């Protein structure tokens, strides 16, 4: 039995599918309208921001285990 996705995940999945649809149309040589190009740029930016936020969350919950068995949180490098 498949778990029901929360609405936010459904919306993210819908946006990703639309982004892939536009990318595939462009890849096959089909010309996108100006509105579709703007939509594609917006969807790419939203995807990039969501990916970075999720990846940051993973890194913030990452621990490094030292040879002596102690664990320390991964530190953020600013720069």
N, C-alpha and C. Protein backbone atom coordinates (compact mmCIF):
# COMPACT_ATOMS: atom_id res chain seq x y z
N UNK A 1 0.84 -1.18 0.00
CA UNK A 1 0.00 0.00 0.00
C UNK A 1 0.88 1.24 0.00
N UNK A 2 0.58 2.18 -0.85
CA UNK A 2 1.37 3.39 -0.98
C UNK A 2 0.86 4.46 -0.02
N UNK A 3 1.81 5.13 0.64
CA UNK A 3 1.43 6.20 1.56
C UNK A 3 0.92 7.41 0.79
N UNK A 4 -0.04 8.09 1.37
CA UNK A 4 -0.55 9.32 0.76
C UNK A 4 0.44 10.43 1.02
N UNK A 5 0.81 11.14 -0.06
CA UNK A 5 1.73 12.26 0.08
C UNK A 5 0.99 13.46 0.64
N UNK A 6 1.71 14.27 1.39
CA UNK A 6 1.10 15.49 1.89
C UNK A 6 0.92 16.46 0.73
N UNK A 7 -0.03 17.38 0.82
CA UNK A 7 -0.31 18.29 -0.29
C UNK A 7 0.92 19.04 -0.79
N UNK A 8 1.80 19.43 0.10
CA UNK A 8 2.99 20.17 -0.32
C UNK A 8 3.84 19.30 -1.25
N UNK A 9 3.99 18.02 -0.93
CA UNK A 9 4.76 17.11 -1.78
C UNK A 9 4.06 16.91 -3.13
N UNK A 10 2.73 16.85 -3.12
CA UNK A 10 1.97 16.73 -4.37
C UNK A 10 2.24 17.94 -5.27
N UNK A 11 2.24 19.12 -4.67
CA UNK A 11 2.49 20.34 -5.43
C UNK A 11 3.91 20.36 -5.97
N UNK A 12 4.88 19.95 -5.17
CA UNK A 12 6.27 19.90 -5.63
C UNK A 12 6.41 18.90 -6.77
N UNK A 13 5.75 17.77 -6.65
CA UNK A 13 5.81 16.75 -7.70
C UNK A 13 5.18 17.28 -8.99
N UNK A 14 4.05 17.97 -8.88
CA UNK A 14 3.39 18.55 -10.05
C UNK A 14 4.30 19.56 -10.73
N UNK A 15 4.96 20.39 -9.94
CA UNK A 15 5.86 21.40 -10.52
C UNK A 15 7.06 20.75 -11.20
N UNK A 16 7.60 19.71 -10.59
CA UNK A 16 8.74 19.01 -11.18
C UNK A 16 8.34 18.34 -12.50
N UNK A 17 7.16 17.73 -12.52
CA UNK A 17 6.67 17.11 -13.75
C UNK A 17 6.49 18.16 -14.85
N UNK A 18 5.98 19.33 -14.49
CA UNK A 18 5.81 20.40 -15.48
C UNK A 18 7.17 20.89 -15.98
N UNK A 19 8.13 21.05 -15.08
CA UNK A 19 9.47 21.47 -15.46
C UNK A 19 10.09 20.45 -16.42
N UNK A 20 9.93 19.17 -16.13
CA UNK A 20 10.45 18.13 -17.01
C UNK A 20 9.75 18.13 -18.36
N UNK A 21 8.47 18.38 -18.34
CA UNK A 21 7.70 18.45 -19.60
C UNK A 21 8.24 19.57 -20.49
N UNK A 22 8.46 20.74 -19.91
CA UNK A 22 8.97 21.87 -20.68
C UNK A 22 10.40 21.58 -21.17
N UNK A 23 11.22 20.99 -20.33
CA UNK A 23 12.59 20.66 -20.72
C UNK A 23 12.61 19.65 -21.86
N UNK A 24 11.75 18.64 -21.78
CA UNK A 24 11.70 17.63 -22.84
C UNK A 24 11.21 18.23 -24.16
N UNK A 25 10.24 19.10 -24.08
CA UNK A 25 9.75 19.76 -25.30
C UNK A 25 10.86 20.59 -25.93
N UNK A 26 11.61 21.29 -25.10
CA UNK A 26 12.70 22.12 -25.59
C UNK A 26 13.81 21.25 -26.18
N UNK A 27 14.08 20.13 -25.52
CA UNK A 27 15.15 19.22 -25.96
C UNK A 27 14.83 18.61 -27.32
N UNK A 28 13.57 18.35 -27.59
CA UNK A 28 13.18 17.73 -28.86
C UNK A 28 13.07 18.75 -30.00
N UNK A 29 13.41 20.01 -29.71
CA UNK A 29 13.42 21.01 -30.76
C UNK A 29 12.17 21.84 -30.86
N UNK A 30 11.21 21.56 -30.01
CA UNK A 30 9.97 22.35 -30.02
C UNK A 30 10.25 23.72 -29.41
N UNK A 31 9.74 24.74 -30.02
CA UNK A 31 9.94 26.09 -29.53
C UNK A 31 8.95 26.40 -28.43
N UNK A 32 9.47 26.93 -27.32
CA UNK A 32 8.60 27.32 -26.22
C UNK A 32 8.21 28.79 -26.40
N UNK A 33 6.98 29.10 -26.01
CA UNK A 33 6.53 30.49 -26.08
C UNK A 33 7.26 31.29 -24.99
N UNK A 34 7.18 32.60 -25.08
CA UNK A 34 7.81 33.45 -24.07
C UNK A 34 7.24 33.17 -22.68
N UNK A 35 5.93 32.95 -22.60
CA UNK A 35 5.29 32.64 -21.32
C UNK A 35 5.82 31.32 -20.77
N UNK A 36 5.99 30.33 -21.64
CA UNK A 36 6.51 29.03 -21.19
C UNK A 36 7.97 29.14 -20.75
N UNK A 37 8.74 29.96 -21.42
CA UNK A 37 10.14 30.18 -21.01
C UNK A 37 10.21 30.84 -19.64
N UNK A 38 9.32 31.81 -19.40
CA UNK A 38 9.28 32.45 -18.08
C UNK A 38 8.85 31.45 -17.02
N UNK A 39 7.84 30.63 -17.35
CA UNK A 39 7.38 29.60 -16.42
C UNK A 39 8.51 28.62 -16.12
N UNK A 40 9.24 28.21 -17.14
CA UNK A 40 10.35 27.28 -16.97
C UNK A 40 11.42 27.89 -16.05
N UNK A 41 11.76 29.15 -16.27
CA UNK A 41 12.76 29.82 -15.43
C UNK A 41 12.30 29.90 -13.98
N UNK A 42 11.03 30.20 -13.78
CA UNK A 42 10.47 30.27 -12.43
C UNK A 42 10.50 28.91 -11.76
N UNK A 43 10.07 27.87 -12.49
CA UNK A 43 10.06 26.52 -11.94
C UNK A 43 11.47 26.04 -11.61
N UNK A 44 12.44 26.37 -12.45
CA UNK A 44 13.84 25.99 -12.18
C UNK A 44 14.33 26.65 -10.91
N UNK A 45 14.03 27.92 -10.74
CA UNK A 45 14.47 28.64 -9.54
C UNK A 45 13.81 28.06 -8.29
N UNK A 46 12.51 27.77 -8.36
CA UNK A 46 11.81 27.18 -7.22
C UNK A 46 12.40 25.81 -6.88
N UNK A 47 12.70 25.02 -7.92
CA UNK A 47 13.29 23.69 -7.70
C UNK A 47 14.67 23.82 -7.05
N UNK A 48 15.47 24.75 -7.56
CA UNK A 48 16.82 24.95 -7.02
C UNK A 48 16.76 25.36 -5.55
N UNK A 49 15.86 26.28 -5.21
CA UNK A 49 15.73 26.72 -3.82
C UNK A 49 15.24 25.59 -2.91
N UNK A 50 14.28 24.80 -3.38
CA UNK A 50 13.77 23.68 -2.59
C UNK A 50 14.85 22.62 -2.39
N UNK A 51 15.63 22.34 -3.44
CA UNK A 51 16.70 21.36 -3.34
C UNK A 51 17.74 21.81 -2.32
N UNK A 52 18.14 23.07 -2.42
CA UNK A 52 19.16 23.58 -1.49
C UNK A 52 18.66 23.55 -0.04
N UNK A 53 17.40 23.88 0.18
CA UNK A 53 16.85 23.86 1.53
C UNK A 53 16.82 22.44 2.08
N UNK A 54 16.42 21.48 1.25
CA UNK A 54 16.38 20.09 1.70
C UNK A 54 17.78 19.56 1.97
N UNK A 55 18.72 19.89 1.10
CA UNK A 55 20.10 19.43 1.27
C UNK A 55 20.72 20.06 2.52
N UNK A 56 20.42 21.34 2.74
CA UNK A 56 20.91 22.01 3.95
C UNK A 56 20.37 21.31 5.19
N UNK A 57 19.11 20.89 5.15
CA UNK A 57 18.52 20.17 6.28
C UNK A 57 19.24 18.86 6.54
N UNK A 58 19.61 18.16 5.48
CA UNK A 58 20.35 16.91 5.64
C UNK A 58 21.70 17.18 6.28
N UNK A 59 22.40 18.18 5.78
CA UNK A 59 23.72 18.49 6.31
C UNK A 59 23.67 18.97 7.76
N UNK A 60 22.63 19.70 8.11
CA UNK A 60 22.51 20.19 9.49
C UNK A 60 22.26 19.05 10.47
N UNK A 61 21.81 17.91 9.98
CA UNK A 61 21.56 16.76 10.84
C UNK A 61 22.58 15.65 10.60
N UNK A 62 23.76 16.02 10.10
CA UNK A 62 24.82 15.06 9.83
C UNK A 62 25.85 15.13 10.94
N UNK A 63 26.27 13.96 11.42
CA UNK A 63 27.28 13.86 12.45
C UNK A 63 28.47 13.08 11.91
N UNK A 64 29.66 13.46 12.37
CA UNK A 64 30.89 12.78 12.00
C UNK A 64 31.32 11.95 13.21
N UNK A 65 31.55 10.67 12.98
CA UNK A 65 32.01 9.82 14.07
C UNK A 65 33.53 9.79 14.05
N UNK A 66 34.12 10.15 15.18
CA UNK A 66 35.56 10.20 15.33
C UNK A 66 36.10 8.79 15.58
N UNK A 67 37.41 8.59 15.36
CA UNK A 67 37.99 7.27 15.61
C UNK A 67 37.80 6.77 17.05
N UNK A 68 37.69 7.71 18.00
CA UNK A 68 37.49 7.29 19.40
C UNK A 68 36.02 6.98 19.72
N UNK A 69 35.15 7.09 18.72
CA UNK A 69 33.74 6.75 18.91
C UNK A 69 32.84 7.93 19.21
N UNK A 70 33.41 9.08 19.51
CA UNK A 70 32.58 10.26 19.77
C UNK A 70 32.02 10.79 18.46
N UNK A 71 30.90 11.45 18.59
CA UNK A 71 30.25 12.03 17.40
C UNK A 71 30.20 13.53 17.56
N UNK A 72 30.42 14.23 16.46
CA UNK A 72 30.30 15.69 16.47
C UNK A 72 29.48 16.11 15.25
N UNK A 73 28.76 17.19 15.45
CA UNK A 73 27.92 17.72 14.38
C UNK A 73 28.82 18.30 13.29
N UNK A 74 28.42 18.10 12.05
CA UNK A 74 29.13 18.67 10.93
C UNK A 74 29.02 20.19 11.01
N UNK A 75 30.15 20.89 10.91
CA UNK A 75 30.13 22.34 11.02
C UNK A 75 29.95 22.98 9.65
N UNK A 76 29.25 24.09 9.66
CA UNK A 76 29.00 24.84 8.43
C UNK A 76 30.21 25.69 8.10
N UNK A 77 30.60 25.67 6.84
CA UNK A 77 31.69 26.52 6.37
C UNK A 77 31.08 27.73 5.71
N UNK A 78 31.37 28.89 6.23
CA UNK A 78 30.89 30.12 5.61
C UNK A 78 31.95 30.61 4.65
N UNK A 79 31.52 31.01 3.48
CA UNK A 79 32.53 31.54 2.58
C UNK A 79 32.22 31.34 1.21
